[in-house]
N, C-alpha and C. Protein backbone atom coordinates (compact mmCIF):
# COMPACT_ATOMS: atom_id res chain seq x y z
N MET A 1 -183.22 -176.71 139.73
CA MET A 1 -183.96 -176.37 137.92
C MET A 1 -185.44 -176.62 137.72
N ARG A 2 -186.32 -175.92 136.87
CA ARG A 2 -187.54 -176.47 136.40
C ARG A 2 -187.75 -177.41 135.22
N LYS A 3 -188.85 -178.45 135.66
CA LYS A 3 -188.70 -179.38 134.80
C LYS A 3 -190.18 -179.08 134.62
N GLU A 4 -190.81 -179.25 133.28
CA GLU A 4 -192.06 -179.11 132.51
C GLU A 4 -193.07 -180.56 132.43
N TYR A 5 -194.23 -180.42 132.67
CA TYR A 5 -194.76 -182.14 132.91
C TYR A 5 -196.15 -181.81 132.22
N ASN A 6 -196.90 -180.86 132.53
CA ASN A 6 -197.98 -180.49 131.62
C ASN A 6 -198.88 -182.01 131.56
N LYS A 7 -198.74 -182.79 132.52
CA LYS A 7 -200.08 -184.03 132.38
C LYS A 7 -200.68 -184.31 133.65
N LEU A 8 -201.84 -185.75 133.40
CA LEU A 8 -202.03 -186.17 134.55
C LEU A 8 -201.49 -187.08 135.72
N VAL A 9 -201.92 -186.77 136.74
CA VAL A 9 -200.62 -187.48 138.22
C VAL A 9 -202.01 -188.05 138.59
N ARG A 10 -201.41 -189.34 139.34
CA ARG A 10 -201.99 -189.49 140.56
C ARG A 10 -202.33 -188.71 141.56
N ASP A 11 -203.47 -188.95 142.38
CA ASP A 11 -203.62 -187.98 143.27
C ASP A 11 -203.41 -187.59 144.32
N ARG A 12 -202.49 -188.29 144.36
CA ARG A 12 -201.00 -188.37 145.63
C ARG A 12 -199.52 -188.26 145.55
N ILE A 13 -199.79 -187.96 144.55
CA ILE A 13 -198.49 -187.15 143.51
C ILE A 13 -197.86 -185.72 144.44
N PRO A 14 -198.88 -184.56 144.71
CA PRO A 14 -198.62 -183.12 145.58
C PRO A 14 -197.95 -183.91 146.99
N GLU A 15 -199.20 -184.59 147.59
CA GLU A 15 -198.56 -185.64 148.73
C GLU A 15 -197.32 -185.65 148.67
N ILE A 16 -196.52 -186.47 147.55
CA ILE A 16 -195.62 -187.20 148.16
C ILE A 16 -194.83 -185.93 147.78
N LEU A 17 -194.50 -185.16 146.71
CA LEU A 17 -193.89 -184.08 146.41
C LEU A 17 -193.47 -182.96 147.70
N GLU A 18 -194.39 -182.91 148.01
CA GLU A 18 -194.20 -181.90 149.27
C GLU A 18 -193.30 -182.75 150.74
N SER A 19 -193.99 -184.03 150.29
CA SER A 19 -192.78 -184.89 151.78
C SER A 19 -191.64 -184.89 151.31
N GLN A 20 -191.34 -184.27 149.98
CA GLN A 20 -189.43 -184.36 149.43
C GLN A 20 -189.04 -182.75 149.65
N GLN A 21 -190.15 -182.45 149.74
CA GLN A 21 -189.75 -180.79 149.71
C GLN A 21 -189.53 -180.36 148.80
N VAL A 22 -189.84 -180.80 147.40
CA VAL A 22 -189.94 -180.37 146.18
C VAL A 22 -191.37 -179.35 145.92
N LYS A 23 -190.75 -178.15 145.00
CA LYS A 23 -191.94 -177.28 144.68
C LYS A 23 -192.12 -177.94 143.56
N PHE A 24 -193.53 -177.50 143.03
CA PHE A 24 -194.47 -178.00 142.04
C PHE A 24 -195.75 -177.23 141.81
N GLY A 25 -196.33 -177.32 140.59
CA GLY A 25 -197.70 -176.27 140.71
C GLY A 25 -198.44 -176.93 140.02
N VAL A 26 -199.57 -177.56 140.49
CA VAL A 26 -200.75 -178.23 140.16
C VAL A 26 -202.06 -177.64 139.60
N GLU A 27 -203.11 -177.78 138.92
CA GLU A 27 -204.50 -177.80 138.95
C GLU A 27 -204.87 -178.29 138.27
N PRO A 28 -206.50 -178.11 138.98
CA PRO A 28 -207.78 -178.78 138.42
C PRO A 28 -207.57 -178.56 136.84
N MET A 29 -208.35 -179.90 136.47
CA MET A 29 -208.37 -179.76 135.03
C MET A 29 -210.24 -179.53 134.42
N THR A 30 -210.30 -178.78 133.97
CA THR A 30 -212.23 -179.27 133.06
C THR A 30 -212.40 -180.97 132.60
N GLN A 31 -213.39 -181.25 132.96
CA GLN A 31 -214.05 -182.85 132.45
C GLN A 31 -213.22 -182.84 130.80
N ALA A 32 -213.12 -182.02 130.09
CA ALA A 32 -213.23 -182.39 128.59
C ALA A 32 -211.34 -182.26 128.32
N ALA A 33 -210.63 -181.73 129.77
CA ALA A 33 -209.15 -181.64 129.55
C ALA A 33 -208.86 -182.97 130.62
N TYR A 34 -209.82 -183.34 131.26
CA TYR A 34 -209.24 -184.60 132.17
C TYR A 34 -209.51 -185.88 130.73
N CYS A 35 -210.25 -185.83 130.24
CA CYS A 35 -210.43 -187.07 129.21
C CYS A 35 -209.85 -186.82 127.85
N GLN A 36 -208.98 -185.96 128.08
CA GLN A 36 -208.05 -185.52 126.69
C GLN A 36 -206.91 -186.46 127.72
N ALA A 37 -206.77 -185.61 128.45
CA ALA A 37 -205.56 -186.12 128.89
C ALA A 37 -205.51 -187.53 129.80
N LEU A 38 -206.70 -188.59 129.95
CA LEU A 38 -206.75 -189.55 130.09
C LEU A 38 -206.16 -190.40 128.90
N ARG A 39 -207.04 -190.12 127.77
CA ARG A 39 -206.38 -190.67 126.62
C ARG A 39 -205.01 -190.57 126.13
N GLN A 40 -204.07 -189.66 126.56
CA GLN A 40 -202.78 -189.57 126.25
C GLN A 40 -202.10 -190.16 127.30
N LYS A 41 -202.56 -190.29 128.50
CA LYS A 41 -201.91 -191.70 129.50
C LYS A 41 -202.07 -192.14 129.11
N LEU A 42 -202.96 -192.86 128.55
CA LEU A 42 -203.00 -194.45 128.18
C LEU A 42 -201.89 -194.82 127.10
N ILE A 43 -201.87 -193.43 126.12
CA ILE A 43 -200.27 -193.84 125.15
C ILE A 43 -199.04 -193.75 126.15
N GLU A 44 -198.71 -193.29 127.01
CA GLU A 44 -197.77 -192.63 127.66
C GLU A 44 -198.21 -194.35 128.72
N GLU A 45 -198.90 -194.76 128.95
CA GLU A 45 -198.51 -195.93 130.02
C GLU A 45 -198.40 -197.35 128.88
N ALA A 46 -199.14 -197.36 128.05
CA ALA A 46 -198.71 -198.67 127.11
C ALA A 46 -197.17 -198.54 126.83
N GLN A 47 -197.00 -197.11 126.00
CA GLN A 47 -195.33 -197.45 125.82
C GLN A 47 -194.46 -198.15 127.08
N GLU A 48 -194.81 -197.29 128.04
CA GLU A 48 -193.95 -197.38 129.54
C GLU A 48 -194.11 -199.33 129.49
N ALA A 49 -195.43 -199.78 129.37
CA ALA A 49 -195.55 -201.45 129.50
C ALA A 49 -194.37 -202.15 128.40
N ALA A 50 -194.68 -201.69 127.22
CA ALA A 50 -194.27 -202.23 126.13
C ALA A 50 -192.84 -202.38 126.23
N GLU A 51 -192.21 -200.94 126.76
CA GLU A 51 -190.89 -200.94 126.80
C GLU A 51 -190.39 -201.59 128.33
N ALA A 52 -190.60 -201.93 129.26
CA ALA A 52 -190.75 -202.47 130.54
C ALA A 52 -189.89 -203.68 130.29
N GLY A 53 -189.11 -203.95 131.26
CA GLY A 53 -188.47 -205.15 131.75
C GLY A 53 -189.19 -206.43 132.13
N GLU A 54 -188.72 -207.62 132.25
CA GLU A 54 -189.41 -208.49 133.37
C GLU A 54 -189.91 -207.84 134.37
N ASP A 55 -188.60 -207.40 135.08
CA ASP A 55 -188.89 -207.20 136.77
C ASP A 55 -189.71 -205.79 137.07
N THR A 56 -190.29 -204.96 135.75
CA THR A 56 -191.00 -204.01 135.85
C THR A 56 -192.24 -204.01 135.54
N LEU A 57 -192.74 -205.13 134.70
CA LEU A 57 -193.75 -205.15 133.78
C LEU A 57 -194.90 -205.57 134.37
N VAL A 58 -194.94 -206.14 135.68
CA VAL A 58 -196.30 -206.12 136.25
C VAL A 58 -196.73 -204.84 137.11
N THR A 59 -195.73 -203.62 137.61
CA THR A 59 -196.07 -202.43 137.88
C THR A 59 -196.53 -201.69 136.46
N GLU A 60 -196.20 -201.86 135.37
CA GLU A 60 -196.26 -200.66 134.85
C GLU A 60 -198.03 -201.63 133.77
N LEU A 61 -198.16 -202.97 133.59
CA LEU A 61 -199.03 -202.97 133.60
C LEU A 61 -200.17 -202.54 134.82
N ALA A 62 -199.81 -202.43 135.73
CA ALA A 62 -200.80 -202.08 136.99
C ALA A 62 -201.21 -200.37 137.22
N ASP A 63 -200.04 -200.05 136.15
CA ASP A 63 -200.16 -198.38 135.69
C ASP A 63 -201.41 -198.13 134.70
N LEU A 64 -201.25 -198.90 133.76
CA LEU A 64 -202.21 -199.13 132.29
C LEU A 64 -203.22 -199.40 133.23
N TRP A 65 -203.81 -200.52 133.93
CA TRP A 65 -204.83 -200.85 134.32
C TRP A 65 -205.28 -199.61 134.92
N GLU A 66 -204.73 -198.93 135.56
CA GLU A 66 -205.13 -197.85 136.72
C GLU A 66 -205.47 -196.61 135.54
N VAL A 67 -205.18 -196.46 134.66
CA VAL A 67 -205.57 -195.66 133.87
C VAL A 67 -206.81 -195.92 132.78
N ILE A 68 -206.80 -197.24 132.83
CA ILE A 68 -208.15 -197.84 132.31
C ILE A 68 -209.29 -197.76 132.84
N ASP A 69 -209.35 -198.38 134.07
CA ASP A 69 -209.80 -198.16 134.60
C ASP A 69 -210.59 -196.31 135.18
N ALA A 70 -210.05 -195.52 134.88
CA ALA A 70 -210.08 -194.04 135.29
C ALA A 70 -211.11 -194.15 134.06
N THR A 71 -210.84 -194.45 132.76
CA THR A 71 -211.00 -193.54 131.67
C THR A 71 -212.90 -194.31 131.27
N MET A 72 -212.75 -195.72 131.60
CA MET A 72 -213.82 -196.52 131.71
C MET A 72 -215.13 -195.77 132.78
N SER A 73 -214.28 -195.43 133.91
CA SER A 73 -215.14 -194.45 135.21
C SER A 73 -215.65 -193.14 134.18
N VAL A 74 -215.05 -192.38 133.48
CA VAL A 74 -215.35 -191.63 133.00
C VAL A 74 -216.20 -191.31 132.32
N TYR A 75 -216.29 -192.08 131.45
CA TYR A 75 -217.16 -192.55 130.03
C TYR A 75 -218.23 -193.32 130.59
N GLY A 76 -218.41 -193.93 131.69
CA GLY A 76 -219.49 -194.57 132.39
C GLY A 76 -219.38 -195.86 131.74
N ILE A 77 -218.39 -196.57 131.23
CA ILE A 77 -218.06 -197.64 130.81
C ILE A 77 -218.39 -199.09 131.79
N GLN A 78 -218.69 -200.14 132.15
CA GLN A 78 -218.81 -201.24 132.99
C GLN A 78 -217.57 -201.78 131.94
N ARG A 79 -217.04 -202.50 133.44
CA ARG A 79 -216.14 -203.58 133.46
C ARG A 79 -216.68 -204.79 132.45
N ASN A 80 -218.04 -205.18 132.89
CA ASN A 80 -219.04 -206.22 132.27
C ASN A 80 -219.04 -205.84 130.70
N GLN A 81 -218.93 -204.28 130.63
CA GLN A 81 -219.18 -204.15 129.19
C GLN A 81 -217.97 -204.45 128.06
N VAL A 82 -216.60 -203.75 128.92
CA VAL A 82 -215.59 -204.49 128.21
C VAL A 82 -215.32 -205.94 128.14
N LEU A 83 -215.81 -206.51 128.85
CA LEU A 83 -215.51 -208.22 128.86
C LEU A 83 -216.29 -208.51 128.02
N ALA A 84 -217.41 -208.23 128.34
CA ALA A 84 -218.59 -208.82 127.32
C ALA A 84 -217.73 -208.76 125.54
N CYS A 85 -217.61 -207.43 125.70
CA CYS A 85 -216.82 -206.62 124.06
C CYS A 85 -215.83 -207.70 123.73
N GLN A 86 -214.89 -208.05 124.70
CA GLN A 86 -213.43 -208.96 124.61
C GLN A 86 -213.98 -210.67 124.11
N MET A 87 -214.87 -210.58 124.88
CA MET A 87 -215.05 -212.06 124.36
C MET A 87 -215.74 -212.21 122.86
N GLN A 88 -216.39 -210.97 122.63
CA GLN A 88 -217.17 -211.15 121.31
C GLN A 88 -215.86 -211.16 120.21
N ARG A 89 -214.73 -209.88 120.66
CA ARG A 89 -213.77 -209.70 119.70
C ARG A 89 -212.99 -211.49 119.62
N ARG A 90 -212.92 -212.05 120.65
CA ARG A 90 -212.75 -213.09 120.54
C ARG A 90 -212.56 -214.39 119.72
N ILE A 91 -214.36 -214.14 119.27
CA ILE A 91 -215.09 -214.76 118.91
C ILE A 91 -214.87 -214.67 117.38
N ASP A 92 -214.66 -213.42 117.33
CA ASP A 92 -214.94 -212.52 115.55
C ASP A 92 -213.50 -212.71 115.18
N ARG A 93 -212.79 -212.94 115.78
CA ARG A 93 -211.24 -212.42 115.34
C ARG A 93 -210.35 -213.42 115.92
N GLY A 94 -210.35 -214.03 116.93
CA GLY A 94 -209.41 -214.73 117.96
C GLY A 94 -208.42 -214.03 119.00
N THR A 95 -207.85 -214.88 119.24
CA THR A 95 -206.62 -214.35 120.90
C THR A 95 -205.14 -214.33 119.64
N PHE A 96 -204.21 -214.14 120.64
CA PHE A 96 -203.29 -214.55 119.98
C PHE A 96 -202.40 -215.64 121.00
N SER A 97 -203.09 -216.49 120.99
CA SER A 97 -202.10 -217.89 121.30
C SER A 97 -201.60 -218.83 120.41
N GLN A 98 -202.04 -218.30 119.16
CA GLN A 98 -201.32 -218.92 118.08
C GLN A 98 -199.90 -218.51 117.73
N LYS A 99 -199.49 -217.31 118.23
CA LYS A 99 -198.62 -216.22 117.61
C LYS A 99 -197.91 -215.93 116.78
N LEU A 100 -199.40 -215.49 116.13
CA LEU A 100 -199.09 -214.81 114.45
C LEU A 100 -198.41 -214.08 114.29
N ARG A 101 -197.86 -213.89 113.26
CA ARG A 101 -197.30 -211.94 112.79
C ARG A 101 -197.54 -212.52 111.01
N LEU A 102 -198.34 -211.49 110.64
CA LEU A 102 -198.78 -211.01 109.53
C LEU A 102 -197.73 -210.58 108.58
N LEU A 103 -197.37 -211.12 108.27
CA LEU A 103 -196.14 -210.89 107.21
C LEU A 103 -196.70 -209.88 105.69
N TRP A 104 -197.40 -210.18 104.50
CA TRP A 104 -198.01 -209.89 103.85
C TRP A 104 -199.19 -209.61 103.64
N THR A 105 -200.14 -208.96 102.97
CA THR A 105 -201.28 -209.33 102.09
C THR A 105 -201.26 -208.62 100.62
N GLU A 106 -201.93 -209.29 99.86
CA GLU A 106 -202.36 -209.09 98.55
C GLU A 106 -203.77 -208.21 98.03
N THR A 107 -203.61 -207.55 97.89
CA THR A 107 -205.22 -207.26 97.30
C THR A 107 -205.39 -207.07 95.61
C-alpha cells in the first residue's frame, strides 16, 4: 500500500528504507522549497514535542532542535545571535519561571 508524504526527511531516511526493502521516491528540493519545507518541519516537530509523553519528550526536542539548527544554517543565523536575542527577550519580557497564565485583558 502506497502512502504519500511529500515532506522533508533526514538524509539517512533513503538508506534506512532501502535496508528495510521499502520502495520509495525522493527528490532534491530547490533552495526556496527547502526553506519552506524547513518552516513546515518546525511546525511538525513542535507539535510532536507538544504532544510527547515524558518518555519521548527528549527525543522530540532533539528532533525540533535539529530542524532549528538546519533553519539557522540555511538563513545564515549563528547560534550566538539567537542566544543574544533570547537574553534580550528575557530582559524585556521575562522568562516562564513564574508559571503565569494570562486570563484576560481589557482595553
